[in-house]
């Protein structure tokens, strides 16, 4: 999932947040509601926001769903665009990577 941090708020790109599907799988819909429940702001068709106070919970959610085997790595890994002077926050290093320059 494409991610960025601005003023201690993590933003997940609107096209990468988990979708809810009325007839979708239970795992995917539970993942949607879990991610939405801890988001500070999760509007339809806009980036979702996570304040630094919930980052440890977000990390645990991403690790748990990633280890479940039901979701792919792209759905449970944060991808940050390399920027000068930006380091991936420590809490996300186990579940984050740098995005390819080509993407």
PDB file of N, CA and C in Angstrom:
ATOM      1  N   UNK A   1       0.845  -1.168   0.000  1.00  0.00           N
ATOM      2  CA  UNK A   1       0.000   0.000   0.000  1.00  0.00           C
ATOM      3  C   UNK A   1       0.892   1.233   0.000  1.00  0.00           C
ATOM      4  N   UNK A   2       0.616   2.133  -0.913  1.00  0.00           N
ATOM      5  CA  UNK A   2       1.383   3.378  -0.952  1.00  0.00           C
ATOM      6  C   UNK A   2       1.075   4.203   0.292  1.00  0.00           C
ATOM      7  N   UNK A   3       2.142   4.672   0.925  1.00  0.00           N
ATOM      8  CA  UNK A   3       1.996   5.395   2.189  1.00  0.00           C
ATOM      9  C   UNK A   3       2.917   6.602   2.206  1.00  0.00           C
ATOM     10  N   UNK A   4       2.522   7.570   3.010  1.00  0.00           N
ATOM     11  CA  UNK A   4       3.379   8.739   3.251  1.00  0.00           C
ATOM     12  C   UNK A   4       3.081   9.241   4.652  1.00  0.00           C
ATOM     13  N   UNK A   5       4.041   9.929   5.234  1.00  0.00           N
ATOM     14  CA  UNK A   5       3.878  10.512   6.557  1.00  0.00           C
ATOM     15  C   UNK A   5       3.999  12.024   6.432  1.00  0.00           C
ATOM     16  N   UNK A   6       3.047  12.713   7.041  1.00  0.00           N
ATOM     17  CA  UNK A   6       3.064  14.174   7.061  1.00  0.00           C
ATOM     18  C   UNK A   6       2.574  14.629   8.436  1.00  0.00           C
ATOM     19  N   UNK A   7       3.407  15.371   9.157  1.00  0.00           N
ATOM     20  CA  UNK A   7       3.059  15.868  10.496  1.00  0.00           C
ATOM     21  C   UNK A   7       2.587  14.755  11.437  1.00  0.00           C
ATOM     22  N   UNK A   8       3.328  13.669  11.486  1.00  0.00           N
ATOM     23  CA  UNK A   8       3.023  12.519  12.350  1.00  0.00           C
ATOM     24  C   UNK A   8       1.673  11.874  12.057  1.00  0.00           C
ATOM     25  N   UNK A   9       1.230  11.986  10.831  1.00  0.00           N
ATOM     26  CA  UNK A   9       0.031  11.293  10.369  1.00  0.00           C
ATOM     27  C   UNK A   9       0.435  10.439   9.175  1.00  0.00           C
ATOM     28  N   UNK A  10       0.090   9.162   9.229  1.00  0.00           N
ATOM     29  CA  UNK A  10       0.339   8.256   8.115  1.00  0.00           C
ATOM     30  C   UNK A  10      -0.863   8.300   7.189  1.00  0.00           C
ATOM     31  N   UNK A  11      -0.617   8.482   5.914  1.00  0.00           N
ATOM     32  CA  UNK A  11      -1.673   8.496   4.908  1.00  0.00           C
ATOM     33  C   UNK A  11      -1.521   7.268   4.024  1.00  0.00           C
ATOM     34  N   UNK A  12      -2.610   6.515   3.848  1.00  0.00           N
ATOM     35  CA  UNK A  12      -2.636   5.395   2.912  1.00  0.00           C
ATOM     36  C   UNK A  12      -3.369   5.851   1.665  1.00  0.00           C
ATOM     37  N   UNK A  13      -2.779   5.592   0.522  1.00  0.00           N
ATOM     38  CA  UNK A  13      -3.353   6.026  -0.744  1.00  0.00           C
ATOM     39  C   UNK A  13      -4.754   5.443  -0.929  1.00  0.00           C
ATOM     40  N   UNK A  14      -5.668   6.274  -1.373  1.00  0.00           N
ATOM     41  CA  UNK A  14      -7.082   5.885  -1.500  1.00  0.00           C
ATOM     42  C   UNK A  14      -7.289   4.662  -2.381  1.00  0.00           C
ATOM     43  N   UNK A  15      -6.433   4.457  -3.374  1.00  0.00           N
ATOM     44  CA  UNK A  15      -6.594   3.305  -4.265  1.00  0.00           C
ATOM     45  C   UNK A  15      -6.040   2.019  -3.672  1.00  0.00           C
ATOM     46  N   UNK A  16      -5.336   2.126  -2.549  1.00  0.00           N
ATOM     47  CA  UNK A  16      -4.702   0.957  -1.943  1.00  0.00           C
ATOM     48  C   UNK A  16      -5.344   0.502  -0.641  1.00  0.00           C
ATOM     49  N   UNK A  17      -6.258   1.293  -0.094  1.00  0.00           N
ATOM     50  CA  UNK A  17      -6.916   0.864   1.149  1.00  0.00           C
ATOM     51  C   UNK A  17      -7.805  -0.332   0.850  1.00  0.00           C
ATOM     52  N   UNK A  18      -8.048  -1.185   1.833  1.00  0.00           N
ATOM     53  CA  UNK A  18      -8.858  -2.375   1.563  1.00  0.00           C
ATOM     54  C   UNK A  18     -10.296  -2.002   1.198  1.00  0.00           C
ATOM     55  N   UNK A  19     -10.819  -2.610   0.148  1.00  0.00           N
ATOM     56  CA  UNK A  19     -12.205  -2.323  -0.233  1.00  0.00           C
ATOM     57  C   UNK A  19     -13.190  -3.190   0.540  1.00  0.00           C
ATOM     58  N   UNK A  20     -14.370  -2.663   0.753  1.00  0.00           N
ATOM     59  CA  UNK A  20     -15.453  -3.453   1.333  1.00  0.00           C
ATOM     60  C   UNK A  20     -16.346  -3.915   0.194  1.00  0.00           C
ATOM     61  N   UNK A  21     -16.663  -5.193   0.174  1.00  0.00           N
ATOM     62  CA  UNK A  21     -17.565  -5.739  -0.841  1.00  0.00           C
ATOM     63  C   UNK A  21     -18.656  -6.511  -0.129  1.00  0.00           C
ATOM     64  N   UNK A  22     -19.891  -6.125  -0.391  1.00  0.00           N
ATOM     65  CA  UNK A  22     -21.030  -6.735   0.294  1.00  0.00           C
ATOM     66  C   UNK A  22     -21.016  -8.263   0.190  1.00  0.00           C
ATOM     67  N   UNK A  23     -20.623  -8.776  -0.953  1.00  0.00           N
ATOM     68  CA  UNK A  23     -20.565 -10.228  -1.130  1.00  0.00           C
ATOM     69  C   UNK A  23     -19.124 -10.732  -1.129  1.00  0.00           C
ATOM     70  N   UNK A  24     -18.210  -9.921  -0.566  1.00  0.00           N
ATOM     71  CA  UNK A  24     -16.800 -10.294  -0.527  1.00  0.00           C
ATOM     72  C   UNK A  24     -16.499 -11.322   0.550  1.00  0.00           C
ATOM     73  N   UNK A  25     -15.240 -11.733   0.581  1.00  0.00           N
ATOM     74  CA  UNK A  25     -14.831 -12.740   1.568  1.00  0.00           C
ATOM     75  C   UNK A  25     -14.868 -12.155   2.981  1.00  0.00           C
ATOM     76  N   UNK A  26     -15.084 -13.021   3.938  1.00  0.00           N
ATOM     77  CA  UNK A  26     -15.146 -12.606   5.334  1.00  0.00           C
ATOM     78  C   UNK A  26     -13.802 -12.014   5.773  1.00  0.00           C
ATOM     79  N   UNK A  27     -12.696 -12.632   5.354  1.00  0.00           N
ATOM     80  CA  UNK A  27     -11.375 -12.140   5.752  1.00  0.00           C
ATOM     81  C   UNK A  27     -11.146 -10.733   5.216  1.00  0.00           C
ATOM     82  N   UNK A  28     -11.406 -10.520   3.948  1.00  0.00           N
ATOM     83  CA  UNK A  28     -11.170  -9.201   3.343  1.00  0.00           C
ATOM     84  C   UNK A  28     -12.080  -8.138   3.946  1.00  0.00           C
ATOM     85  N   UNK A  29     -13.326  -8.475   4.192  1.00  0.00           N
ATOM     86  CA  UNK A  29     -14.229  -7.496   4.785  1.00  0.00           C
ATOM     87  C   UNK A  29     -13.876  -7.208   6.246  1.00  0.00           C
ATOM     88  N   UNK A  30     -13.410  -8.209   6.971  1.00  0.00           N
ATOM     89  CA  UNK A  30     -12.950  -7.991   8.342  1.00  0.00           C
ATOM     90  C   UNK A  30     -11.707  -7.103   8.333  1.00  0.00           C
ATOM     91  N   UNK A  31     -10.820  -7.332   7.376  1.00  0.00           N
ATOM     92  CA  UNK A  31      -9.630  -6.495   7.219  1.00  0.00           C
ATOM     93  C   UNK A  31     -10.045  -5.039   6.962  1.00  0.00           C
ATOM     94  N   UNK A  32     -11.009  -4.828   6.095  1.00  0.00           N
ATOM     95  CA  UNK A  32     -11.524  -3.484   5.823  1.00  0.00           C
ATOM     96  C   UNK A  32     -12.004  -2.828   7.115  1.00  0.00           C
ATOM     97  N   UNK A  33     -12.874  -3.511   7.868  1.00  0.00           N
ATOM     98  CA  UNK A  33     -13.440  -2.921   9.083  1.00  0.00           C
ATOM     99  C   UNK A  33     -12.382  -2.704  10.165  1.00  0.00           C
ATOM    100  N   UNK A  34     -11.398  -3.584  10.255  1.00  0.00           N
ATOM    101  CA  UNK A  34     -10.319  -3.426  11.224  1.00  0.00           C
ATOM    102  C   UNK A  34      -9.487  -2.193  10.888  1.00  0.00           C
ATOM    103  N   UNK A  35      -9.093  -2.066   9.632  1.00  0.00           N
ATOM    104  CA  UNK A  35      -8.296  -0.925   9.199  1.00  0.00           C
ATOM    105  C   UNK A  35      -9.077   0.382   9.346  1.00  0.00           C
ATOM    106  N   UNK A  36     -10.341   0.331   9.053  1.00  0.00           N
ATOM    107  CA  UNK A  36     -11.180   1.528   9.143  1.00  0.00           C
ATOM    108  C   UNK A  36     -11.407   1.930  10.606  1.00  0.00           C
ATOM    109  N   UNK A  37     -11.532   0.941  11.475  1.00  0.00           N
ATOM    110  CA  UNK A  37     -11.815   1.212  12.887  1.00  0.00           C
ATOM    111  C   UNK A  37     -10.687   1.975  13.578  1.00  0.00           C
ATOM    112  N   UNK A  38      -9.450   1.727  13.201  1.00  0.00           N
ATOM    113  CA  UNK A  38      -8.340   2.414  13.863  1.00  0.00           C
ATOM    114  C   UNK A  38      -7.901   3.670  13.121  1.00  0.00           C
ATOM    115  N   UNK A  39      -8.471   3.905  11.943  1.00  0.00           N
ATOM    116  CA  UNK A  39      -8.133   5.119  11.189  1.00  0.00           C
ATOM    117  C   UNK A  39      -8.726   6.341  11.882  1.00  0.00           C
ATOM    118  N   UNK A  40      -7.986   7.422  11.873  1.00  0.00           N
ATOM    119  CA  UNK A  40      -8.510   8.670  12.412  1.00  0.00           C
ATOM    120  C   UNK A  40      -9.511   9.298  11.460  1.00  0.00           C
ATOM    121  N   UNK A  41      -9.301   9.071  10.172  1.00  0.00           N
ATOM    122  CA  UNK A  41     -10.182   9.614   9.143  1.00  0.00           C
ATOM    123  C   UNK A  41     -10.117   8.655   7.965  1.00  0.00           C
ATOM    124  N   UNK A  42     -11.247   8.097   7.567  1.00  0.00           N
ATOM    125  CA  UNK A  42     -11.297   7.117   6.475  1.00  0.00           C
ATOM    126  C   UNK A  42     -12.455   7.438   5.537  1.00  0.00           C
ATOM    127  N   UNK A  43     -12.379   8.571   4.827  1.00  0.00           N
ATOM    128  CA  UNK A  43     -13.476   8.956   3.939  1.00  0.00           C
ATOM    129  C   UNK A  43     -13.498   8.111   2.675  1.00  0.00           C
ATOM    130  N   UNK A  44     -14.664   8.022   2.087  1.00  0.00           N
ATOM    131  CA  UNK A  44     -14.806   7.304   0.818  1.00  0.00           C
ATOM    132  C   UNK A  44     -14.042   8.060  -0.255  1.00  0.00           C
ATOM    133  N   UNK A  45     -13.264   7.346  -1.040  1.00  0.00           N
ATOM    134  CA  UNK A  45     -12.545   7.873  -2.201  1.00  0.00           C
ATOM    135  C   UNK A  45     -11.512   8.950  -1.856  1.00  0.00           C
ATOM    136  N   UNK A  46     -10.950   8.870  -0.632  1.00  0.00           N
ATOM    137  CA  UNK A  46      -9.847   9.765  -0.238  1.00  0.00           C
ATOM    138  C   UNK A  46      -8.861   8.957   0.596  1.00  0.00           C
ATOM    139  N   UNK A  47      -7.668   9.478   0.748  1.00  0.00           N
ATOM    140  CA  UNK A  47      -6.655   8.787   1.542  1.00  0.00           C
ATOM    141  C   UNK A  47      -7.132   8.599   2.982  1.00  0.00           C
ATOM    142  N   UNK A  48      -6.763   7.445   3.560  1.00  0.00           N
ATOM    143  CA  UNK A  48      -7.080   7.183   4.966  1.00  0.00           C
ATOM    144  C   UNK A  48      -5.935   7.702   5.824  1.00  0.00           C
ATOM    145  N   UNK A  49      -6.276   8.186   7.022  1.00  0.00           N
ATOM    146  CA  UNK A  49      -5.293   8.804   7.903  1.00  0.00           C
ATOM    147  C   UNK A  49      -5.188   8.048   9.226  1.00  0.00           C
ATOM    148  N   UNK A  50      -3.947   7.879   9.671  1.00  0.00           N
ATOM    149  CA  UNK A  50      -3.665   7.202  10.938  1.00  0.00           C
ATOM    150  C   UNK A  50      -2.705   8.067  11.755  1.00  0.00           C
ATOM    151  N   UNK A  51      -3.168   8.556  12.908  1.00  0.00           N
ATOM    152  CA  UNK A  51      -2.321   9.348  13.783  1.00  0.00           C
ATOM    153  C   UNK A  51      -1.276   8.453  14.444  1.00  0.00           C
ATOM    154  N   UNK A  52      -0.194   9.050  14.879  1.00  0.00           N
ATOM    155  CA  UNK A  52       0.918   8.281  15.448  1.00  0.00           C
ATOM    156  C   UNK A  52       0.503   7.465  16.679  1.00  0.00           C
ATOM    157  N   UNK A  53      -0.553   7.881  17.378  1.00  0.00           N
ATOM    158  CA  UNK A  53      -1.014   7.139  18.558  1.00  0.00           C
ATOM    159  C   UNK A  53      -1.503   5.734  18.224  1.00  0.00           C
ATOM    160  N   UNK A  54      -1.893   5.478  16.991  1.00  0.00           N
ATOM    161  CA  UNK A  54      -2.399   4.147  16.628  1.00  0.00           C
ATOM    162  C   UNK A  54      -1.431   3.368  15.736  1.00  0.00           C
ATOM    163  N   UNK A  55      -0.243   3.900  15.530  1.00  0.00           N
ATOM    164  CA  UNK A  55       0.698   3.227  14.636  1.00  0.00           C
ATOM    165  C   UNK A  55       1.054   1.826  15.099  1.00  0.00           C
ATOM    166  N   UNK A  56       1.202   1.605  16.397  1.00  0.00           N
ATOM    167  CA  UNK A  56       1.530   0.259  16.881  1.00  0.00           C
ATOM    168  C   UNK A  56       0.374  -0.694  16.597  1.00  0.00           C
ATOM    169  N   UNK A  57      -0.852  -0.225  16.729  1.00  0.00           N
ATOM    170  CA  UNK A  57      -2.014  -1.060  16.408  1.00  0.00           C
ATOM    171  C   UNK A  57      -2.045  -1.363  14.915  1.00  0.00           C
ATOM    172  N   UNK A  58      -1.755  -0.364  14.093  1.00  0.00           N
ATOM    173  CA  UNK A  58      -1.717  -0.578  12.647  1.00  0.00           C
ATOM    174  C   UNK A  58      -0.634  -1.585  12.285  1.00  0.00           C
ATOM    175  N   UNK A  59       0.516  -1.456  12.903  1.00  0.00           N
ATOM    176  CA  UNK A  59       1.592  -2.411  12.655  1.00  0.00           C
ATOM    177  C   UNK A  59       1.141  -3.834  12.983  1.00  0.00           C
ATOM    178  N   UNK A  60       0.484  -3.999  14.121  1.00  0.00           N
ATOM    179  CA  UNK A  60       0.034  -5.338  14.535  1.00  0.00           C
ATOM    180  C   UNK A  60      -1.030  -5.887  13.593  1.00  0.00           C
ATOM    181  N   UNK A  61      -1.925  -5.034  13.129  1.00  0.00           N
ATOM    182  CA  UNK A  61      -2.952  -5.465  12.166  1.00  0.00           C
ATOM    183  C   UNK A  61      -2.289  -5.934  10.875  1.00  0.00           C
ATOM    184  N   UNK A  62      -1.360  -5.142  10.351  1.00  0.00           N
ATOM    185  CA  UNK A  62      -0.702  -5.504   9.091  1.00  0.00           C
ATOM    186  C   UNK A  62       0.111  -6.789   9.232  1.00  0.00           C
ATOM    187  N   UNK A  63       0.815  -6.943  10.346  1.00  0.00           N
ATOM    188  CA  UNK A  63       1.580  -8.179  10.558  1.00  0.00           C
ATOM    189  C   UNK A  63       0.638  -9.370  10.664  1.00  0.00           C
ATOM    190  N   UNK A  64      -0.420  -9.250  11.450  1.00  0.00           N
ATOM    191  CA  UNK A  64      -1.348 -10.368  11.648  1.00  0.00           C
ATOM    192  C   UNK A  64      -2.009 -10.807  10.347  1.00  0.00           C
ATOM    193  N   UNK A  65      -2.518  -9.850   9.599  1.00  0.00           N
ATOM    194  CA  UNK A  65      -3.160 -10.213   8.334  1.00  0.00           C
ATOM    195  C   UNK A  65      -2.146 -10.700   7.313  1.00  0.00           C
ATOM    196  N   UNK A  66      -0.951 -10.155   7.348  1.00  0.00           N
ATOM    197  CA  UNK A  66       0.095 -10.632   6.452  1.00  0.00           C
ATOM    198  C   UNK A  66       0.491 -12.065   6.730  1.00  0.00           C
ATOM    199  N   UNK A  67       0.588 -12.401   8.003  1.00  0.00           N
ATOM    200  CA  UNK A  67       0.962 -13.761   8.391  1.00  0.00           C
ATOM    201  C   UNK A  67      -0.161 -14.767   8.170  1.00  0.00           C
ATOM    202  N   UNK A  68      -1.385 -14.277   8.043  1.00  0.00           N
ATOM    203  CA  UNK A  68      -2.522 -15.195   7.881  1.00  0.00           C
ATOM    204  C   UNK A  68      -2.457 -15.971   6.574  1.00  0.00           C
ATOM    205  N   UNK A  69      -1.827 -15.388   5.572  1.00  0.00           N
ATOM    206  CA  UNK A  69      -1.735 -16.065   4.284  1.00  0.00           C
ATOM    207  C   UNK A  69      -2.924 -15.804   3.368  1.00  0.00           C
ATOM    208  N   UNK A  70      -3.944 -15.110   3.853  1.00  0.00           N
ATOM    209  CA  UNK A  70      -5.124 -14.832   3.047  1.00  0.00           C
ATOM    210  C   UNK A  70      -4.963 -13.596   2.172  1.00  0.00           C
ATOM    211  N   UNK A  71      -4.054 -12.711   2.558  1.00  0.00           N
ATOM    212  CA  UNK A  71      -3.864 -11.470   1.819  1.00  0.00           C
ATOM    213  C   UNK A  71      -2.445 -11.422   1.271  1.00  0.00           C
ATOM    214  N   UNK A  72      -2.282 -10.742   0.145  1.00  0.00           N
ATOM    215  CA  UNK A  72      -0.972 -10.638  -0.477  1.00  0.00           C
ATOM    216  C   UNK A  72      -0.096  -9.588   0.189  1.00  0.00           C
ATOM    217  N   UNK A  73       1.192  -9.638  -0.111  1.00  0.00           N
ATOM    218  CA  UNK A  73       2.138  -8.688   0.458  1.00  0.00           C
ATOM    219  C   UNK A  73       1.806  -7.245   0.098  1.00  0.00           C
ATOM    220  N   UNK A  74       1.348  -7.010  -1.111  1.00  0.00           N
ATOM    221  CA  UNK A  74       1.020  -5.641  -1.526  1.00  0.00           C
ATOM    222  C   UNK A  74      -0.141  -5.080  -0.712  1.00  0.00           C
ATOM    223  N   UNK A  75      -0.947  -5.954  -0.125  1.00  0.00           N
ATOM    224  CA  UNK A  75      -2.093  -5.506   0.674  1.00  0.00           C
ATOM    225  C   UNK A  75      -1.742  -5.265   2.135  1.00  0.00           C
ATOM    226  N   UNK A  76      -0.596  -5.774   2.564  1.00  0.00           N
ATOM    227  CA  UNK A  76      -0.237  -5.671   3.981  1.00  0.00           C
ATOM    228  C   UNK A  76       1.145  -5.051   4.206  1.00  0.00           C
ATOM    229  N   UNK A  77       1.746  -4.521   3.157  1.00  0.00           N
ATOM    230  CA  UNK A  77       3.050  -3.870   3.258  1.00  0.00           C
ATOM    231  C   UNK A  77       2.911  -2.402   2.883  1.00  0.00           C
ATOM    232  N   UNK A  78       3.518  -1.543   3.674  1.00  0.00           N
ATOM    233  CA  UNK A  78       3.505  -0.114   3.377  1.00  0.00           C
ATOM    234  C   UNK A  78       4.651   0.202   2.423  1.00  0.00           C
ATOM    235  N   UNK A  79       4.374   0.951   1.375  1.00  0.00           N
ATOM    236  CA  UNK A  79       5.399   1.343   0.400  1.00  0.00           C
ATOM    237  C   UNK A  79       5.576   2.860   0.458  1.00  0.00           C
ATOM    238  N   UNK A  80       6.770   3.273   0.864  1.00  0.00           N
ATOM    239  CA  UNK A  80       7.074   4.692   0.958  1.00  0.00           C
ATOM    240  C   UNK A  80       7.919   5.123  -0.225  1.00  0.00           C
ATOM    241  N   UNK A  81       7.637   6.299  -0.745  1.00  0.00           N
ATOM    242  CA  UNK A  81       8.441   6.869  -1.821  1.00  0.00           C
ATOM    243  C   UNK A  81       9.720   7.419  -1.191  1.00  0.00           C
ATOM    244  N   UNK A  82      10.882   7.041  -1.753  1.00  0.00           N
ATOM    245  CA  UNK A  82      12.131   7.563  -1.195  1.00  0.00           C
ATOM    246  C   UNK A  82      12.182   9.088  -1.324  1.00  0.00           C
ATOM    247  N   UNK A  83      12.426   9.737  -0.200  1.00  0.00           N
ATOM    248  CA  UNK A  83      12.551  11.191  -0.165  1.00  0.00           C
ATOM    249  C   UNK A  83      13.779  11.548   0.654  1.00  0.00           C
ATOM    250  N   UNK A  84      14.450  12.645   0.292  1.00  0.00           N
ATOM    251  CA  UNK A  84      15.610  13.061   1.090  1.00  0.00           C
ATOM    252  C   UNK A  84      15.198  13.323   2.543  1.00  0.00           C
ATOM    253  N   UNK A  85      16.027  12.926   3.456  1.00  0.00           N
ATOM    254  CA  UNK A  85      15.829  13.167   4.891  1.00  0.00           C
ATOM    255  C   UNK A  85      14.612  12.466   5.481  1.00  0.00           C
ATOM    256  N   UNK A  86      14.023  11.497   4.770  1.00  0.00           N
ATOM    257  CA  UNK A  86      12.889  10.763   5.338  1.00  0.00           C
ATOM    258  C   UNK A  86      13.336   9.345   5.650  1.00  0.00           C
ATOM    259  N   UNK A  87      13.091   8.931   6.872  1.00  0.00           N
ATOM    260  CA  UNK A  87      13.333   7.560   7.287  1.00  0.00           C
ATOM    261  C   UNK A  87      11.997   6.923   7.619  1.00  0.00           C
ATOM    262  N   UNK A  88      11.843   5.665   7.252  1.00  0.00           N
ATOM    263  CA  UNK A  88      10.627   4.946   7.613  1.00  0.00           C
ATOM    264  C   UNK A  88      10.563   4.893   9.137  1.00  0.00           C
ATOM    265  N   UNK A  89       9.435   5.297   9.728  1.00  0.00           N
ATOM    266  CA  UNK A  89       9.323   5.245  11.191  1.00  0.00           C
ATOM    267  C   UNK A  89       9.622   3.843  11.723  1.00  0.00           C
ATOM    268  N   UNK A  90      10.314   3.792  12.830  1.00  0.00           N
ATOM    269  CA  UNK A  90      10.751   2.524  13.434  1.00  0.00           C
ATOM    270  C   UNK A  90       9.611   1.507  13.560  1.00  0.00           C
ATOM    271  N   UNK A  91       8.442   1.946  13.971  1.00  0.00           N
ATOM    272  CA  UNK A  91       7.313   1.043  14.198  1.00  0.00           C
ATOM    273  C   UNK A  91       6.884   0.330  12.909  1.00  0.00           C
ATOM    274  N   UNK A  92       7.172   0.898  11.750  1.00  0.00           N
ATOM    275  CA  UNK A  92       6.745   0.301  10.482  1.00  0.00           C
ATOM    276  C   UNK A  92       7.843  -0.466   9.754  1.00  0.00           C
ATOM    277  N   UNK A  93       9.030  -0.458  10.242  1.00  0.00           N
ATOM    278  CA  UNK A  93      10.148  -1.055   9.491  1.00  0.00           C
ATOM    279  C   UNK A  93       9.970  -2.541   9.202  1.00  0.00           C
ATOM    280  N   UNK A  94       9.261  -3.260  10.049  1.00  0.00           N
ATOM    281  CA  UNK A  94       9.044  -4.696   9.808  1.00  0.00           C
ATOM    282  C   UNK A  94       8.009  -4.953   8.722  1.00  0.00           C
ATOM    283  N   UNK A  95       7.204  -3.947   8.409  1.00  0.00           N
ATOM    284  CA  UNK A  95       6.120  -4.150   7.441  1.00  0.00           C
ATOM    285  C   UNK A  95       6.125  -3.088   6.345  1.00  0.00           C
ATOM    286  N   UNK A  96       7.302  -2.488   6.110  1.00  0.00           N
ATOM    287  CA  UNK A  96       7.379  -1.421   5.114  1.00  0.00           C
ATOM    288  C   UNK A  96       8.556  -1.636   4.176  1.00  0.00           C
ATOM    289  N   UNK A  97       8.483  -0.961   3.050  1.00  0.00           N
ATOM    290  CA  UNK A  97       9.545  -1.012   2.062  1.00  0.00           C
ATOM    291  C   UNK A  97       9.573   0.318   1.321  1.00  0.00           C
ATOM    292  N   UNK A  98      10.602   0.485   0.514  1.00  0.00           N
ATOM    293  CA  UNK A  98      10.656   1.657  -0.353  1.00  0.00           C
ATOM    294  C   UNK A  98      10.011   1.298  -1.684  1.00  0.00           C
ATOM    295  N   UNK A  99       9.214   2.193  -2.213  1.00  0.00           N
ATOM    296  CA  UNK A  99       8.567   1.975  -3.504  1.00  0.00           C
ATOM    297  C   UNK A  99       9.610   2.055  -4.605  1.00  0.00           C
ATOM    298  N   UNK A 100       9.378   1.308  -5.675  1.00  0.00           N
ATOM    299  CA  UNK A 100      10.269   1.379  -6.830  1.00  0.00           C
ATOM    300  C   UNK A 100      10.194   2.764  -7.448  1.00  0.00           C
ATOM    301  N   UNK A 101      11.309   3.240  -7.943  1.00  0.00           N
ATOM    302  CA  UNK A 101      11.350   4.564  -8.569  1.00  0.00           C
ATOM    303  C   UNK A 101      10.437   4.614  -9.798  1.00  0.00           C
ATOM    304  N   UNK A 102      10.210   3.471 -10.444  1.00  0.00           N
ATOM    305  CA  UNK A 102       9.419   3.410 -11.671  1.00  0.00           C
ATOM    306  C   UNK A 102       7.926   3.498 -11.413  1.00  0.00           C
ATOM    307  N   UNK A 103       7.458   3.147 -10.205  1.00  0.00           N
ATOM    308  CA  UNK A 103       6.021   3.107  -9.920  1.00  0.00           C
ATOM    309  C   UNK A 103       5.425   4.480  -9.866  1.00  0.00           C
TER     310      UNK A 103
END
